[in-house]
Amino acid sequence: MGGFQLSAGHWEDLMSADYTACGVGVYAVRVSEDRFNTYICVLTLDKLYGADAA
């Protein structure tokens, strides 16, 4: 999350009251005995796309 906090645009989107849900996905690939490459995806969802959408 530190990377997102350091990015003003990403952090503003994550903290926006316009979004009602957030999903986080992490995919890790072992590249050596003690090292992984990780890929992170954060998805913010507008309330219009939620279960309560009309």
C-alpha atoms as a PDB file:
ATOM      1  CA  MET A   1       0.000   0.000   0.000  1.00  0.00           C
ATOM      2  CA  GLY A   2       2.951   2.308   0.457  1.00  0.00           C
ATOM      3  CA  GLY A   3       3.317   2.685  -3.302  1.00  0.00           C
ATOM      4  CA  PHE A   4      -0.328   3.672  -3.637  1.00  0.00           C
ATOM      5  CA  GLN A   5      -0.037   6.164  -0.788  1.00  0.00           C
ATOM      6  CA  LEU A   6       2.943   7.787  -2.489  1.00  0.00           C
ATOM      7  CA  SER A   7       1.012   8.206  -5.735  1.00  0.00           C
ATOM      8  CA  ALA A   8      -1.330  11.168  -5.239  1.00  0.00           C
ATOM      9  CA  GLY A   9      -3.651  10.078  -8.059  1.00  0.00           C
ATOM     10  CA  HIS A  10      -3.939   6.462  -6.922  1.00  0.00           C
ATOM     11  CA  TRP A  11      -4.414   7.397  -3.277  1.00  0.00           C
ATOM     12  CA  GLU A  12      -7.050  10.001  -4.137  1.00  0.00           C
ATOM     13  CA  ASP A  13      -9.004   7.385  -6.098  1.00  0.00           C
ATOM     14  CA  LEU A  14      -8.751   4.830  -3.285  1.00  0.00           C
ATOM     15  CA  MET A  15      -9.946   7.327  -0.683  1.00  0.00           C
ATOM     16  CA  SER A  16     -12.737   8.815  -2.811  1.00  0.00           C
ATOM     17  CA  ALA A  17     -16.221   8.691  -1.292  1.00  0.00           C
ATOM     18  CA  ASP A  18     -17.516   7.916  -4.805  1.00  0.00           C
ATOM     19  CA  TYR A  19     -16.298   4.341  -4.476  1.00  0.00           C
ATOM     20  CA  THR A  20     -17.993   1.838  -2.210  1.00  0.00           C
ATOM     21  CA  ALA A  21     -15.770  -1.217  -2.637  1.00  0.00           C
ATOM     22  CA  CYS A  22     -12.178  -2.110  -3.306  1.00  0.00           C
ATOM     23  CA  GLY A  23     -10.680  -5.395  -4.475  1.00  0.00           C
ATOM     24  CA  VAL A  24      -7.005  -6.256  -4.232  1.00  0.00           C
ATOM     25  CA  GLY A  25      -5.333  -9.064  -6.135  1.00  0.00           C
ATOM     26  CA  VAL A  26      -1.751 -10.232  -5.657  1.00  0.00           C
ATOM     27  CA  TYR A  27       0.113 -12.650  -7.911  1.00  0.00           C
ATOM     28  CA  ALA A  28       3.601 -13.788  -6.901  1.00  0.00           C
ATOM     29  CA  VAL A  29       6.139 -15.633  -9.047  1.00  0.00           C
ATOM     30  CA  ARG A  30       9.203 -17.249  -7.470  1.00  0.00           C
ATOM     31  CA  VAL A  31      12.322 -16.137  -9.329  1.00  0.00           C
ATOM     32  CA  SER A  32      14.843 -17.698  -6.961  1.00  0.00           C
ATOM     33  CA  GLU A  33      14.972 -19.540  -3.635  1.00  0.00           C
ATOM     34  CA  ASP A  34      14.338 -16.380  -1.604  1.00  0.00           C
ATOM     35  CA  ARG A  35      12.970 -13.883  -4.127  1.00  0.00           C
ATOM     36  CA  PHE A  36       9.564 -13.289  -5.705  1.00  0.00           C
ATOM     37  CA  ASN A  37       8.251 -10.907  -8.324  1.00  0.00           C
ATOM     38  CA  THR A  38       4.837  -9.672  -7.270  1.00  0.00           C
ATOM     39  CA  TYR A  39       2.068  -8.117  -9.293  1.00  0.00           C
ATOM     40  CA  ILE A  40      -0.649  -6.151  -7.528  1.00  0.00           C
ATOM     41  CA  CYS A  41      -3.984  -5.053  -8.946  1.00  0.00           C
ATOM     42  CA  VAL A  42      -6.360  -2.733  -7.103  1.00  0.00           C
ATOM     43  CA  LEU A  43      -9.881  -2.284  -8.388  1.00  0.00           C
ATOM     44  CA  THR A  44     -12.209   0.397  -7.073  1.00  0.00           C
ATOM     45  CA  LEU A  45     -15.907  -0.056  -7.719  1.00  0.00           C
ATOM     46  CA  ASP A  46     -18.425   2.711  -8.140  1.00  0.00           C
ATOM     47  CA  LYS A  47     -21.649   2.225  -6.191  1.00  0.00           C
ATOM     48  CA  LEU A  48     -23.535   2.069  -9.517  1.00  0.00           C
ATOM     49  CA  TYR A  49     -21.934  -1.321 -10.205  1.00  0.00           C
ATOM     50  CA  GLY A  50     -22.763  -2.835  -6.819  1.00  0.00           C
ATOM     51  CA  ALA A  51     -25.549  -5.222  -5.850  1.00  0.00           C
ATOM     52  CA  ASP A  52     -27.802  -2.269  -4.965  1.00  0.00           C
ATOM     53  CA  ALA A  53     -27.594  -0.697  -8.439  1.00  0.00           C
ATOM     54  CA  ALA A  54     -30.955   0.143  -9.968  1.00  0.00           C
END
